[in-house]
């Protein structure tokens, strides 16, 4: 029979141990985390001064490595940290993660206010970080392998070093969303879900480190001097029941342990230490475990999962601004908020952070009623976000459909109806949105241009450009607007501005060539098409056109260059 240990509250006084003494390690760790932030500021300053700098030292950058083959600084950092975690344990989270710093700061402030948020114990939400880690770091490879297995041509990336960038902030959200993200994952998640709330229920990087931690021989271990006073558990901000684990296993085995070493520092008998040794086998861990007590029944757990996915889907990418990790944090906190409010309405609210939510007779307290109103407002906001997302996806699907239709279909009533529906849907999203969305303005402008609404298209393109949305693309589309008006000079300037801004759209060269030909400037047209062929040497129709242009110009040598390329292409065997 599996051995269990009844879960008990850690004592602050036991066996003559006295009150819990302050942790010396926490101060050292705070200094290290401050230095981490100073290093981030130095990194940003180097980019601002130099124009180029090291690519972001963020684990999320590993996605670019897996999808595109760019071996960047974030991938190297993440890989090195994982390998080191397999040796000395999960230290990175506790000593180098800026989000942990914010969560610890929030927990410290709440402690000063005599509040100690109770950690939420959920059996299903704890899988959120693992699922997020799979999506971020395994799914790109799984998807590519599956597509190739199905016969699709999905080539594997060639790995190349990509250690510098001239746009350090390209993969990060804007300042407003960045601040909201840090406040949510660093403060609200702690207030609602307990210390290290985001680490437990949202962080995909922590999930990876937690898996790597399982093979590490270096753990928090205990000597025979331990008296089980529970001081170690009382100071642990990672929600590890240290006194129980060292009693059962002579070490901490919980993969949530971030090696903060506060428990070692406060032990009144100096019985805990950080050291290497043998670790329990998986079978031992399965059969010798403290009894776990969960906060929710299985029906409630299933409801939590549904609430999480609903909020996550509703907010992820909302207004083209809410990033993946922020959406995870919103999902978990909303699920907890809604479930707690439901309990209050059923007379089972209990308490939260020292405030009673329900009376002994089941009636909600004043705090409970206010809490429920906040939850209802959050549910309404989430429902509206979901409605906006649904309409946005519907509108973008219609846009893709009408944009892909050949030009001869534009006179067909069905195409015109789909275009009108797409415009109406995206306009409805814009009208009901409660935050600006420059990308949505671009999508609406594209549809306006397709429908011949040149004034509306120009207005929306210029609005998006002023907001800093994809300058090269917007400039090119403004050129299309001017070309549709017959203003070739303005169109030519816009196309050249787009190319100067870094546009990789080769069709701009053909548009410039058409403008040059409309003026009778054959030489300029040939020069533009040469730029197109330079970017796409296999474009044989363009080479054929260049032969004609050079013959018109009397440049036989240049014409022969492209004739030779055409002959070589025609002589190559074709594979079916």
Foldseek 3Di string as FASTA:
>chain_A
DFAAAADDDFAQDDPNLHGFDFFPLVVVLLVLQVVLVVVVVVQVVCLVVVLKGFADLACLCVLCCQQAQAPGNVVVNLVVQLVVCLAQNQQCLSRRDNLLSLLVVQQVVLVVVVFFFDAAFAPPLLCQLVVVLCVRNPVSVVVLVVCVVVPDPRDGHHHDYDTMDSCRCPPPFDPVLVVVLSCLSRHVLCQQRNQCSCLRRFHNSLVSRLVSNQNYQKFWFFDPQDPLNQSLCVPDSLNFSASVCCVQFRTGNRSSDNPSCSSCRRRSRSGIDTGGDDGDDPVSPVRHYYDDDHPDDPVLSVQLVVQLVLQLLLPDCQLPGNHNRSSSSRSNSLSSLLSLLVCLVQLNNQATRPHGQHDPVSHGDPVVVVSNVVSVVSVVVSVVSNVLSVLLVVLVVLLVVLVPDDPVCLVPPVSVVSLVSSLVSLVVSVVPDPDHRLVSLQSNLVSCVSVVVLVSNLVSLVVSVVVVHLQLVSLQVNLVSCVVVVNLVSSLVSLVVSVVVPDPPLVSLCVNLVSCVVVVNLVSSLVSLVVSCVSPVPPLVSLVVNLVSCVVVVNNVSNVVSVVSVVVVVPDDDDD
